[in-house]
Amino acid sequence: MWAFYLQLFFTIFIVIDPIGIVPLFLSTVANLETEKRRQLAYRAVVVAFVVLSVFILGGRYILSFFGISPGAFYVAGGILFFLISMDMLFARSKRSKTSEQESEDDTASLAVFPLAIPMISGPGAITTIMLYSADSHSWLTITLLLFAAVIPVLALVYLAMRMSSLILKVLGKTGVSVVERMMGLILSGLSVQFVYRGLIKLSILAS
């Protein structure tokens, strides 16, 4: 169970990518005061938690409602993870930036978009939760494990945003880029593993 939890935690950590959020967060809040940045970081994490909680609690039932088998979602999730890993490896932008119409004073709106969605609780994070929701563990077990993984990752995201200036100063853009590429490499391997597990669940490959 611990091995499964660690895999779950690190998958969510890599997909959300707290370190990779740092330069994107700074570019979004560049013209805001320190206190406003703190409020934005807190609100963004709270909104992201609410969004991810919906899929943690109802992910398995959403798949069942649409008639999507766990195997099919494993394959789809693996493909999406591979595309995300390519973005990370080649430093391509994978999250939306602030709209030109966004008011600098509209901090509540900024907390929702683009910080909470899609920077934190983006397609990758939601797919990860949906994918693990389809696991063979009982609903209660997988729900508790998902919350136990998501909460500390979001706490790390909050800390990364609060300390974003310091992190960028210490690591520099090159350091952040190196960390993100390392995570992308790990995620690419996980993506292939998910596709493999999906093909086994679909009885296309033998275990």
N, C-alpha and C. Protein backbone atom coordinates (compact mmCIF):
# COMPACT_ATOMS: atom_id res chain seq x y z
N MET A 1 0.83 -1.21 0.00
CA MET A 1 0.00 0.00 0.00
C MET A 1 0.86 1.26 0.00
N TRP A 2 1.99 1.21 0.78
CA TRP A 2 2.87 2.38 0.81
C TRP A 2 3.50 2.63 -0.55
N ALA A 3 3.86 1.56 -1.25
CA ALA A 3 4.46 1.71 -2.58
C ALA A 3 3.45 2.35 -3.54
N PHE A 4 2.19 1.91 -3.43
CA PHE A 4 1.14 2.48 -4.27
C PHE A 4 0.92 3.95 -3.95
N TYR A 5 0.91 4.28 -2.65
CA TYR A 5 0.72 5.67 -2.25
C TYR A 5 1.86 6.56 -2.75
N LEU A 6 3.09 6.09 -2.63
CA LEU A 6 4.23 6.88 -3.09
C LEU A 6 4.17 7.11 -4.60
N GLN A 7 3.76 6.07 -5.34
CA GLN A 7 3.61 6.25 -6.78
C GLN A 7 2.53 7.29 -7.08
N LEU A 8 1.42 7.21 -6.35
CA LEU A 8 0.32 8.17 -6.51
C LEU A 8 0.78 9.58 -6.18
N PHE A 9 1.47 9.73 -5.05
CA PHE A 9 1.94 11.05 -4.63
C PHE A 9 2.88 11.67 -5.66
N PHE A 10 3.89 10.91 -6.08
CA PHE A 10 4.88 11.46 -6.99
C PHE A 10 4.30 11.71 -8.38
N THR A 11 3.32 10.92 -8.79
CA THR A 11 2.66 11.18 -10.08
C THR A 11 1.93 12.52 -10.04
N ILE A 12 1.16 12.75 -8.98
CA ILE A 12 0.44 14.02 -8.83
C ILE A 12 1.43 15.18 -8.69
N PHE A 13 2.51 14.96 -7.93
CA PHE A 13 3.52 15.99 -7.74
C PHE A 13 4.16 16.38 -9.07
N ILE A 14 4.51 15.40 -9.87
CA ILE A 14 5.17 15.67 -11.16
C ILE A 14 4.22 16.36 -12.12
N VAL A 15 2.96 15.91 -12.16
CA VAL A 15 1.99 16.49 -13.10
C VAL A 15 1.66 17.93 -12.72
N ILE A 16 1.43 18.20 -11.44
CA ILE A 16 1.13 19.57 -11.01
C ILE A 16 2.38 20.44 -11.08
N ASP A 17 3.54 19.86 -10.74
CA ASP A 17 4.84 20.52 -10.93
C ASP A 17 4.95 21.85 -10.18
N PRO A 18 5.06 21.81 -8.84
CA PRO A 18 5.17 23.05 -8.06
C PRO A 18 6.32 23.96 -8.48
N ILE A 19 7.48 23.38 -8.81
CA ILE A 19 8.63 24.19 -9.22
C ILE A 19 8.36 24.86 -10.57
N GLY A 20 7.76 24.12 -11.48
CA GLY A 20 7.47 24.69 -12.80
C GLY A 20 6.45 25.81 -12.76
N ILE A 21 5.64 25.83 -11.70
CA ILE A 21 4.62 26.88 -11.55
C ILE A 21 5.26 28.22 -11.21
N VAL A 22 6.45 28.20 -10.59
CA VAL A 22 7.08 29.42 -10.08
C VAL A 22 7.19 30.54 -11.13
N PRO A 23 7.85 30.31 -12.29
CA PRO A 23 7.96 31.40 -13.26
C PRO A 23 6.62 31.83 -13.84
N LEU A 24 5.69 30.88 -13.96
CA LEU A 24 4.36 31.21 -14.48
C LEU A 24 3.59 32.06 -13.48
N PHE A 25 3.72 31.73 -12.19
CA PHE A 25 3.07 32.51 -11.14
C PHE A 25 3.62 33.93 -11.11
N LEU A 26 4.94 34.05 -11.18
CA LEU A 26 5.57 35.37 -11.15
C LEU A 26 5.15 36.23 -12.33
N SER A 27 5.02 35.61 -13.50
CA SER A 27 4.61 36.38 -14.67
C SER A 27 3.16 36.84 -14.56
N THR A 28 2.35 36.06 -13.85
CA THR A 28 0.93 36.41 -13.68
C THR A 28 0.73 37.53 -12.67
N VAL A 29 1.57 37.55 -11.61
CA VAL A 29 1.38 38.51 -10.52
C VAL A 29 2.47 39.58 -10.50
N ALA A 30 3.14 39.77 -11.62
CA ALA A 30 4.30 40.67 -11.69
C ALA A 30 3.99 42.07 -11.16
N ASN A 31 2.77 42.57 -11.42
CA ASN A 31 2.44 43.95 -11.06
C ASN A 31 1.70 44.08 -9.73
N LEU A 32 1.64 43.00 -8.96
CA LEU A 32 0.88 43.02 -7.72
C LEU A 32 1.80 43.14 -6.50
N GLU A 33 1.27 43.69 -5.42
CA GLU A 33 2.03 43.83 -4.19
C GLU A 33 2.17 42.47 -3.49
N THR A 34 3.09 42.38 -2.54
CA THR A 34 3.38 41.12 -1.85
C THR A 34 2.14 40.54 -1.18
N GLU A 35 1.35 41.38 -0.51
CA GLU A 35 0.15 40.90 0.18
C GLU A 35 -0.88 40.36 -0.81
N LYS A 36 -1.02 41.03 -1.94
CA LYS A 36 -1.93 40.56 -2.98
C LYS A 36 -1.48 39.21 -3.53
N ARG A 37 -0.16 39.05 -3.67
CA ARG A 37 0.38 37.77 -4.16
C ARG A 37 0.05 36.65 -3.17
N ARG A 38 0.19 36.95 -1.88
CA ARG A 38 -0.11 35.94 -0.86
C ARG A 38 -1.58 35.54 -0.91
N GLN A 39 -2.47 36.53 -1.04
CA GLN A 39 -3.90 36.25 -1.12
C GLN A 39 -4.23 35.43 -2.36
N LEU A 40 -3.60 35.78 -3.48
CA LEU A 40 -3.84 35.06 -4.72
C LEU A 40 -3.40 33.61 -4.60
N ALA A 41 -2.22 33.39 -4.02
CA ALA A 41 -1.70 32.03 -3.87
C ALA A 41 -2.65 31.19 -3.02
N TYR A 42 -3.12 31.77 -1.91
CA TYR A 42 -4.03 31.05 -1.01
C TYR A 42 -5.35 30.72 -1.71
N ARG A 43 -5.94 31.71 -2.35
CA ARG A 43 -7.22 31.49 -3.04
C ARG A 43 -7.09 30.48 -4.16
N ALA A 44 -6.00 30.56 -4.89
CA ALA A 44 -5.79 29.64 -6.02
C ALA A 44 -5.70 28.20 -5.53
N VAL A 45 -4.99 27.98 -4.43
CA VAL A 45 -4.85 26.63 -3.89
C VAL A 45 -6.19 26.11 -3.37
N VAL A 46 -6.95 26.98 -2.72
CA VAL A 46 -8.27 26.57 -2.21
C VAL A 46 -9.20 26.18 -3.36
N VAL A 47 -9.24 27.00 -4.41
CA VAL A 47 -10.08 26.70 -5.57
C VAL A 47 -9.63 25.41 -6.23
N ALA A 48 -8.31 25.23 -6.37
CA ALA A 48 -7.78 24.01 -6.98
C ALA A 48 -8.17 22.78 -6.15
N PHE A 49 -8.13 22.92 -4.83
CA PHE A 49 -8.51 21.81 -3.96
C PHE A 49 -9.98 21.44 -4.15
N VAL A 50 -10.84 22.44 -4.25
CA VAL A 50 -12.27 22.18 -4.46
C VAL A 50 -12.49 21.46 -5.80
N VAL A 51 -11.82 21.93 -6.84
CA VAL A 51 -11.97 21.32 -8.17
C VAL A 51 -11.50 19.87 -8.14
N LEU A 52 -10.32 19.64 -7.59
CA LEU A 52 -9.77 18.28 -7.55
C LEU A 52 -10.60 17.38 -6.64
N SER A 53 -11.17 17.95 -5.57
CA SER A 53 -12.00 17.15 -4.66
C SER A 53 -13.23 16.58 -5.36
N VAL A 54 -13.79 17.37 -6.27
CA VAL A 54 -14.97 16.90 -7.02
C VAL A 54 -14.62 15.63 -7.79
N PHE A 55 -13.45 15.62 -8.41
CA PHE A 55 -13.06 14.44 -9.19
C PHE A 55 -12.56 13.31 -8.31
N ILE A 56 -12.01 13.63 -7.13
CA ILE A 56 -11.62 12.57 -6.20
C ILE A 56 -12.86 11.83 -5.71
N LEU A 57 -13.90 12.58 -5.36
CA LEU A 57 -15.11 11.98 -4.81
C LEU A 57 -15.97 11.31 -5.88
N GLY A 58 -15.96 11.90 -7.08
CA GLY A 58 -16.88 11.37 -8.10
C GLY A 58 -16.23 10.81 -9.34
N GLY A 59 -14.91 10.72 -9.37
CA GLY A 59 -14.22 10.27 -10.57
C GLY A 59 -14.66 8.91 -11.05
N ARG A 60 -14.74 7.96 -10.13
CA ARG A 60 -15.13 6.59 -10.50
C ARG A 60 -16.54 6.56 -11.07
N TYR A 61 -17.43 7.38 -10.51
CA TYR A 61 -18.82 7.39 -10.97
C TYR A 61 -18.97 8.14 -12.30
N ILE A 62 -18.10 9.13 -12.53
CA ILE A 62 -18.11 9.83 -13.82
C ILE A 62 -17.73 8.87 -14.93
N LEU A 63 -16.70 8.07 -14.70
CA LEU A 63 -16.29 7.07 -15.70
C LEU A 63 -17.39 6.05 -15.94
N SER A 64 -18.02 5.62 -14.84
CA SER A 64 -19.11 4.64 -14.96
C SER A 64 -20.29 5.22 -15.72
N PHE A 65 -20.62 6.49 -15.46
CA PHE A 65 -21.76 7.13 -16.11
C PHE A 65 -21.57 7.19 -17.63
N PHE A 66 -20.35 7.50 -18.06
CA PHE A 66 -20.08 7.59 -19.49
C PHE A 66 -19.66 6.25 -20.10
N GLY A 67 -19.65 5.21 -19.31
CA GLY A 67 -19.34 3.89 -19.82
C GLY A 67 -17.89 3.72 -20.24
N ILE A 68 -16.98 4.45 -19.59
CA ILE A 68 -15.55 4.37 -19.93
C ILE A 68 -14.90 3.34 -19.02
N SER A 69 -14.30 2.33 -19.61
CA SER A 69 -13.66 1.28 -18.81
C SER A 69 -12.35 1.79 -18.23
N PRO A 70 -11.94 1.25 -17.07
CA PRO A 70 -10.65 1.66 -16.48
C PRO A 70 -9.49 1.48 -17.44
N GLY A 71 -9.49 0.39 -18.20
CA GLY A 71 -8.41 0.14 -19.15
C GLY A 71 -8.31 1.23 -20.21
N ALA A 72 -9.46 1.64 -20.73
CA ALA A 72 -9.47 2.69 -21.75
C ALA A 72 -8.95 4.00 -21.20
N PHE A 73 -9.31 4.30 -19.94
CA PHE A 73 -8.85 5.56 -19.35
C PHE A 73 -7.38 5.51 -19.01
N TYR A 74 -6.88 4.33 -18.65
CA TYR A 74 -5.45 4.18 -18.43
C TYR A 74 -4.67 4.51 -19.70
N VAL A 75 -5.15 3.99 -20.82
CA VAL A 75 -4.48 4.25 -22.10
C VAL A 75 -4.57 5.74 -22.45
N ALA A 76 -5.77 6.32 -22.32
CA ALA A 76 -5.95 7.74 -22.62
C ALA A 76 -5.10 8.61 -21.70
N GLY A 77 -5.09 8.25 -20.41
CA GLY A 77 -4.29 9.01 -19.46
C GLY A 77 -2.81 8.92 -19.76
N GLY A 78 -2.35 7.72 -20.14
CA GLY A 78 -0.95 7.54 -20.49
C GLY A 78 -0.54 8.39 -21.67
N ILE A 79 -1.42 8.46 -22.67
CA ILE A 79 -1.13 9.29 -23.85
C ILE A 79 -1.05 10.77 -23.47
N LEU A 80 -2.00 11.22 -22.64
CA LEU A 80 -1.99 12.62 -22.20
C LEU A 80 -0.74 12.92 -21.38
N PHE A 81 -0.36 12.00 -20.49
CA PHE A 81 0.86 12.20 -19.70
C PHE A 81 2.09 12.29 -20.59
N PHE A 82 2.11 11.49 -21.66
CA PHE A 82 3.25 11.53 -22.58
C PHE A 82 3.34 12.90 -23.26
N LEU A 83 2.19 13.44 -23.66
CA LEU A 83 2.18 14.76 -24.29
C LEU A 83 2.64 15.84 -23.30
N ILE A 84 2.18 15.72 -22.04
CA ILE A 84 2.60 16.68 -21.01
C ILE A 84 4.11 16.57 -20.77
N SER A 85 4.61 15.32 -20.74
CA SER A 85 6.05 15.13 -20.51
C SER A 85 6.87 15.73 -21.65
N MET A 86 6.35 15.68 -22.88
CA MET A 86 7.06 16.29 -24.01
C MET A 86 7.12 17.81 -23.84
N ASP A 87 6.02 18.40 -23.35
CA ASP A 87 6.01 19.84 -23.07
C ASP A 87 7.08 20.18 -22.04
N MET A 88 7.19 19.33 -21.00
CA MET A 88 8.16 19.59 -19.94
C MET A 88 9.59 19.39 -20.44
N LEU A 89 9.81 18.36 -21.24
CA LEU A 89 11.16 18.07 -21.73
C LEU A 89 11.66 19.13 -22.70
N PHE A 90 10.75 19.65 -23.52
CA PHE A 90 11.15 20.62 -24.53
C PHE A 90 10.77 22.05 -24.17
N ALA A 91 10.38 22.24 -22.89
CA ALA A 91 10.10 23.58 -22.35
C ALA A 91 9.05 24.34 -23.15
N ARG A 92 8.03 23.61 -23.59
CA ARG A 92 6.93 24.27 -24.30
C ARG A 92 5.88 24.68 -23.30
N SER A 93 5.25 25.83 -23.55
CA SER A 93 4.22 26.32 -22.65
C SER A 93 3.05 25.35 -22.63
N LYS A 94 2.62 24.94 -21.44
CA LYS A 94 1.54 23.96 -21.33
C LYS A 94 0.37 24.47 -20.50
N ARG A 95 0.46 25.70 -20.07
CA ARG A 95 -0.63 26.28 -19.29
C ARG A 95 -1.01 27.63 -19.85
N SER A 96 -2.31 27.91 -19.79
CA SER A 96 -2.79 29.17 -20.33
C SER A 96 -2.30 30.33 -19.50
N LYS A 97 -2.08 31.46 -20.13
CA LYS A 97 -1.69 32.68 -19.43
C LYS A 97 -2.90 33.58 -19.24
N THR A 98 -2.69 34.66 -18.55
CA THR A 98 -3.80 35.57 -18.26
C THR A 98 -4.31 36.24 -19.52
N SER A 99 -5.62 36.35 -19.61
CA SER A 99 -6.22 37.02 -20.75
C SER A 99 -5.88 38.50 -20.74
N GLU A 100 -5.79 39.08 -21.91
CA GLU A 100 -5.47 40.50 -22.01
C GLU A 100 -6.58 41.36 -21.41
N GLN A 101 -7.79 40.80 -21.35
CA GLN A 101 -8.91 41.56 -20.79
C GLN A 101 -8.94 41.49 -19.26
N GLU A 102 -8.07 40.65 -18.66
CA GLU A 102 -8.09 40.46 -17.21
C GLU A 102 -7.65 41.74 -16.51
N SER A 103 -8.45 42.20 -15.58
CA SER A 103 -8.11 43.40 -14.83
C SER A 103 -7.07 43.08 -13.77
N GLU A 104 -6.11 43.97 -13.59
CA GLU A 104 -5.07 43.76 -12.58
C GLU A 104 -5.67 43.78 -11.19
N ASP A 105 -6.78 44.50 -11.00
CA ASP A 105 -7.40 44.60 -9.69
C ASP A 105 -8.32 43.43 -9.39
N ASP A 106 -8.65 42.63 -10.41
CA ASP A 106 -9.58 41.53 -10.22
C ASP A 106 -8.84 40.31 -9.71
N THR A 107 -8.38 40.37 -8.46
CA THR A 107 -7.55 39.30 -7.92
C THR A 107 -8.33 38.00 -7.75
N ALA A 108 -9.61 38.09 -7.43
CA ALA A 108 -10.40 36.87 -7.28
C ALA A 108 -10.46 36.10 -8.58
N SER A 109 -10.62 36.84 -9.68
CA SER A 109 -10.67 36.20 -10.99
C SER A 109 -9.33 35.57 -11.35
N LEU A 110 -8.24 36.27 -11.02
CA LEU A 110 -6.91 35.72 -11.29
C LEU A 110 -6.67 34.44 -10.50
N ALA A 111 -7.20 34.36 -9.29
CA ALA A 111 -7.01 33.17 -8.46
C ALA A 111 -7.65 31.95 -9.12
N VAL A 112 -8.80 32.18 -9.78
CA VAL A 112 -9.48 31.08 -10.46
C VAL A 112 -8.81 30.77 -11.79
N PHE A 113 -8.63 31.80 -12.60
CA PHE A 113 -7.98 31.65 -13.91
C PHE A 113 -6.96 32.76 -14.10
N PRO A 114 -5.71 32.43 -14.37
CA PRO A 114 -5.22 31.09 -14.75
C PRO A 114 -4.54 30.33 -13.63
N LEU A 115 -4.57 30.81 -12.36
CA LEU A 115 -3.80 30.14 -11.32
C LEU A 115 -4.38 28.77 -10.93
N ALA A 116 -5.63 28.75 -10.43
CA ALA A 116 -6.22 27.47 -10.02
C ALA A 116 -6.48 26.58 -11.23
N ILE A 117 -7.06 27.18 -12.26
CA ILE A 117 -7.37 26.47 -13.51
C ILE A 117 -6.80 27.28 -14.66
N PRO A 118 -5.87 26.79 -15.45
CA PRO A 118 -5.38 25.40 -15.49
C PRO A 118 -3.99 25.21 -14.90
N MET A 119 -3.39 26.22 -14.22
CA MET A 119 -2.02 26.08 -13.76
C MET A 119 -1.86 24.97 -12.71
N ILE A 120 -2.80 24.89 -11.76
CA ILE A 120 -2.69 23.88 -10.70
C ILE A 120 -3.57 22.67 -11.01
N SER A 121 -4.86 22.89 -11.09
CA SER A 121 -5.79 21.78 -11.36
C SER A 121 -6.12 21.74 -12.85
N GLY A 122 -5.11 21.45 -13.64
CA GLY A 122 -5.27 21.38 -15.09
C GLY A 122 -5.68 20.00 -15.56
N PRO A 123 -5.72 19.78 -16.86
CA PRO A 123 -6.11 18.48 -17.42
C PRO A 123 -5.26 17.33 -16.91
N GLY A 124 -3.96 17.58 -16.72
CA GLY A 124 -3.08 16.52 -16.26
C GLY A 124 -3.43 16.05 -14.86
N ALA A 125 -3.64 17.00 -13.94
CA ALA A 125 -3.99 16.66 -12.56
C ALA A 125 -5.35 15.97 -12.48
N ILE A 126 -6.31 16.48 -13.24
CA ILE A 126 -7.65 15.88 -13.23
C ILE A 126 -7.60 14.47 -13.82
N THR A 127 -6.85 14.29 -14.91
CA THR A 127 -6.72 12.97 -15.52
C THR A 127 -6.06 11.99 -14.55
N THR A 128 -5.04 12.45 -13.84
CA THR A 128 -4.36 11.60 -12.86
C THR A 128 -5.34 11.10 -11.81
N ILE A 129 -6.16 12.00 -11.28
CA ILE A 129 -7.13 11.63 -10.26
C ILE A 129 -8.19 10.69 -10.83
N MET A 130 -8.67 10.98 -12.03
CA MET A 130 -9.66 10.11 -12.66
C MET A 130 -9.08 8.72 -12.91
N LEU A 131 -7.82 8.70 -13.32
CA LEU A 131 -7.16 7.44 -13.63
C LEU A 131 -7.05 6.57 -12.38
N TYR A 132 -6.57 7.17 -11.28
CA TYR A 132 -6.44 6.39 -10.05
C TYR A 132 -7.78 6.09 -9.42
N SER A 133 -8.80 6.91 -9.72
CA SER A 133 -10.14 6.62 -9.21
C SER A 133 -10.68 5.31 -9.79
N ALA A 134 -10.18 4.98 -10.98
CA ALA A 134 -10.63 3.75 -11.65
C ALA A 134 -9.87 2.53 -11.16
N ASP A 135 -8.97 2.71 -10.19
CA ASP A 135 -8.18 1.59 -9.69
C ASP A 135 -9.06 0.57 -8.98
N SER A 136 -8.52 -0.63 -8.82
CA SER A 136 -9.30 -1.73 -8.25
C SER A 136 -9.51 -1.61 -6.74
N HIS A 137 -8.82 -0.66 -6.07
CA HIS A 137 -9.05 -0.48 -4.64
C HIS A 137 -10.49 -0.03 -4.38
N SER A 138 -10.96 -0.22 -3.15
CA SER A 138 -12.31 0.21 -2.80
C SER A 138 -12.40 1.73 -2.91
N TRP A 139 -13.64 2.22 -3.07
CA TRP A 139 -13.84 3.66 -3.25
C TRP A 139 -13.30 4.43 -2.06
N LEU A 140 -13.56 3.94 -0.83
CA LEU A 140 -13.11 4.64 0.37
C LEU A 140 -11.58 4.67 0.43
N THR A 141 -10.95 3.55 0.14
CA THR A 141 -9.48 3.47 0.20
C THR A 141 -8.83 4.41 -0.79
N ILE A 142 -9.27 4.37 -2.04
CA ILE A 142 -8.63 5.20 -3.07
C ILE A 142 -8.94 6.68 -2.83
N THR A 143 -10.13 6.98 -2.29
CA THR A 143 -10.49 8.36 -1.98
C THR A 143 -9.57 8.93 -0.90
N LEU A 144 -9.36 8.16 0.17
CA LEU A 144 -8.48 8.61 1.25
C LEU A 144 -7.04 8.75 0.76
N LEU A 145 -6.59 7.82 -0.07
CA LEU A 145 -5.23 7.89 -0.61
C LEU A 145 -5.05 9.12 -1.50
N LEU A 146 -6.06 9.42 -2.32
CA LEU A 146 -5.99 10.58 -3.21
C LEU A 146 -5.93 11.88 -2.41
N PHE A 147 -6.78 11.99 -1.39
CA PHE A 147 -6.74 13.19 -0.54
C PHE A 147 -5.40 13.29 0.18
N ALA A 148 -4.88 12.14 0.63
CA ALA A 148 -3.59 12.12 1.33
C ALA A 148 -2.44 12.51 0.42
N ALA A 149 -2.62 12.35 -0.89
CA ALA A 149 -1.59 12.74 -1.85
C ALA A 149 -1.78 14.18 -2.32
N VAL A 150 -3.02 14.56 -2.58
CA VAL A 150 -3.30 15.89 -3.14
C VAL A 150 -3.03 17.00 -2.13
N ILE A 151 -3.43 16.80 -0.88
CA ILE A 151 -3.28 17.87 0.13
C ILE A 151 -1.82 18.29 0.31
N PRO A 152 -0.87 17.36 0.53
CA PRO A 152 0.52 17.81 0.68
C PRO A 152 1.10 18.42 -0.60
N VAL A 153 0.68 17.93 -1.76
CA VAL A 153 1.17 18.51 -3.02
C VAL A 153 0.67 19.94 -3.15
N LEU A 154 -0.59 20.19 -2.83
CA LEU A 154 -1.11 21.56 -2.89
C LEU A 154 -0.44 22.45 -1.85
N ALA A 155 -0.08 21.88 -0.71
CA ALA A 155 0.66 22.65 0.30
C ALA A 155 2.02 23.06 -0.26
N LEU A 156 2.66 22.17 -0.99
CA LEU A 156 3.95 22.48 -1.62
C LEU A 156 3.79 23.53 -2.72
N VAL A 157 2.67 23.46 -3.44
CA VAL A 157 2.38 24.47 -4.47
C VAL A 157 2.24 25.84 -3.82
N TYR A 158 1.52 25.89 -2.70
CA TYR A 158 1.34 27.16 -1.99
C TYR A 158 2.68 27.71 -1.53
N LEU A 159 3.51 26.85 -0.95
CA LEU A 159 4.83 27.29 -0.50
C LEU A 159 5.69 27.77 -1.67
N ALA A 160 5.60 27.05 -2.79
CA ALA A 160 6.38 27.44 -3.97
C ALA A 160 5.95 28.81 -4.48
N MET A 161 4.64 29.08 -4.47
CA MET A 161 4.16 30.39 -4.92
C MET A 161 4.52 31.48 -3.93
N ARG A 162 4.43 31.17 -2.62
CA ARG A 162 4.80 32.17 -1.61
C ARG A 162 6.29 32.51 -1.69
N MET A 163 7.11 31.51 -1.99
CA MET A 163 8.56 31.69 -2.03
C MET A 163 9.09 31.76 -3.46
N SER A 164 8.20 32.08 -4.40
CA SER A 164 8.55 32.03 -5.82
C SER A 164 9.75 32.91 -6.17
N SER A 165 9.78 34.11 -5.63
CA SER A 165 10.90 35.01 -5.95
C SER A 165 12.23 34.43 -5.46
N LEU A 166 12.21 33.87 -4.25
CA LEU A 166 13.42 33.28 -3.68
C LEU A 166 13.86 32.05 -4.46
N ILE A 167 12.89 31.19 -4.81
CA ILE A 167 13.21 29.98 -5.56
C ILE A 167 13.83 30.32 -6.91
N LEU A 168 13.23 31.29 -7.60
CA LEU A 168 13.74 31.69 -8.90
C LEU A 168 15.12 32.33 -8.76
N LYS A 169 15.33 33.04 -7.66
CA LYS A 169 16.62 33.69 -7.44
C LYS A 169 17.71 32.65 -7.16
N VAL A 170 17.35 31.61 -6.39
CA VAL A 170 18.32 30.57 -6.03
C VAL A 170 18.61 29.64 -7.20
N LEU A 171 17.56 29.14 -7.82
CA LEU A 171 17.74 28.18 -8.91
C LEU A 171 18.04 28.85 -10.24
N GLY A 172 17.46 30.05 -10.43
CA GLY A 172 17.58 30.71 -11.72
C GLY A 172 16.67 30.03 -12.73
N LYS A 173 16.46 30.66 -13.86
CA LYS A 173 15.61 30.07 -14.90
C LYS A 173 16.18 28.76 -15.39
N THR A 174 17.52 28.67 -15.46
CA THR A 174 18.16 27.43 -15.92
C THR A 174 17.90 26.29 -14.94
N GLY A 175 18.01 26.58 -13.63
CA GLY A 175 17.77 25.55 -12.63
C GLY A 175 16.34 25.05 -12.65
N VAL A 176 15.39 25.97 -12.77
CA VAL A 176 13.97 25.59 -12.86
C VAL A 176 13.74 24.73 -14.09
N SER A 177 14.38 25.10 -15.21
CA SER A 177 14.24 24.35 -16.45
C SER A 177 14.80 22.94 -16.31
N VAL A 178 15.94 22.81 -15.63
CA VAL A 178 16.55 21.49 -15.43
C VAL A 178 15.65 20.60 -14.59
N VAL A 179 15.10 21.14 -13.50
CA VAL A 179 14.20 20.38 -12.64
C VAL A 179 12.97 19.92 -13.42
N GLU A 180 12.42 20.82 -14.21
CA GLU A 180 11.21 20.48 -14.98
C GLU A 180 11.50 19.40 -16.01
N ARG A 181 12.68 19.45 -16.64
CA ARG A 181 13.04 18.41 -17.61
C ARG A 181 13.22 17.05 -16.95
N MET A 182 13.79 17.05 -15.75
CA MET A 182 13.94 15.80 -15.01
C MET A 182 12.57 15.20 -14.69
N MET A 183 11.63 16.05 -14.27
CA MET A 183 10.28 15.57 -13.99
C MET A 183 9.61 15.07 -15.27
N GLY A 184 9.85 15.76 -16.38
CA GLY A 184 9.29 15.35 -17.65
C GLY A 184 9.78 13.98 -18.07
N LEU A 185 11.06 13.70 -17.81
CA LEU A 185 11.63 12.41 -18.17
C LEU A 185 10.99 11.29 -17.35
N ILE A 186 10.79 11.54 -16.05
CA ILE A 186 10.14 10.54 -15.19
C ILE A 186 8.70 10.32 -15.64
N LEU A 187 8.00 11.43 -15.94
CA LEU A 187 6.60 11.33 -16.36
C LEU A 187 6.46 10.57 -17.68
N SER A 188 7.42 10.72 -18.59
CA SER A 188 7.35 9.99 -19.85
C SER A 188 7.40 8.49 -19.61
N GLY A 189 8.24 8.06 -18.64
CA GLY A 189 8.29 6.64 -18.30
C GLY A 189 6.99 6.17 -17.67
N LEU A 190 6.43 6.99 -16.78
CA LEU A 190 5.14 6.64 -16.16
C LEU A 190 4.04 6.53 -17.20
N SER A 191 4.07 7.41 -18.20
CA SER A 191 3.02 7.41 -19.22
C SER A 191 3.01 6.09 -19.99
N VAL A 192 4.20 5.58 -20.32
CA VAL A 192 4.28 4.30 -21.03
C VAL A 192 3.76 3.17 -20.13
N GLN A 193 4.09 3.24 -18.84
CA GLN A 193 3.62 2.23 -17.89
C GLN A 193 2.10 2.23 -17.78
N PHE A 194 1.49 3.43 -17.79
CA PHE A 194 0.03 3.51 -17.72
C PHE A 194 -0.62 2.92 -18.97
N VAL A 195 -0.04 3.20 -20.13
CA VAL A 195 -0.58 2.61 -21.36
C VAL A 195 -0.48 1.09 -21.30
N TYR A 196 0.65 0.60 -20.82
CA TYR A 196 0.86 -0.85 -20.70
C TYR A 196 -0.18 -1.47 -19.77
N ARG A 197 -0.40 -0.83 -18.61
CA ARG A 197 -1.40 -1.34 -17.67
C ARG A 197 -2.80 -1.29 -18.26
N GLY A 198 -3.08 -0.25 -19.06
CA GLY A 198 -4.38 -0.14 -19.70
C GLY A 198 -4.61 -1.24 -20.71
N LEU A 199 -3.59 -1.56 -21.48
CA LEU A 199 -3.70 -2.63 -22.47
C LEU A 199 -3.90 -3.99 -21.79
N ILE A 200 -3.29 -4.17 -20.61
CA ILE A 200 -3.51 -5.40 -19.86
C ILE A 200 -4.95 -5.47 -19.36
N LYS A 201 -5.46 -4.34 -18.82
CA LYS A 201 -6.83 -4.30 -18.33
C LYS A 201 -7.84 -4.53 -19.46
N LEU A 202 -7.46 -4.13 -20.69
CA LEU A 202 -8.35 -4.35 -21.84
C LEU A 202 -8.16 -5.73 -22.46
N SER A 203 -7.27 -6.52 -21.83
CA SER A 203 -6.98 -7.90 -22.30
C SER A 203 -6.34 -7.93 -23.67
N ILE A 204 -5.68 -6.84 -24.06
CA ILE A 204 -4.97 -6.80 -25.34
C ILE A 204 -3.57 -7.39 -25.17
N LEU A 205 -2.99 -7.17 -23.98
CA LEU A 205 -1.69 -7.76 -23.65
C LEU A 205 -1.85 -8.68 -22.44
N ALA A 206 -0.97 -9.65 -22.36
CA ALA A 206 -0.97 -10.53 -21.19
C ALA A 206 -0.09 -9.91 -20.10
N SER A 207 -0.48 -10.08 -18.85
CA SER A 207 0.28 -9.52 -17.75
C SER A 207 1.56 -10.32 -17.50
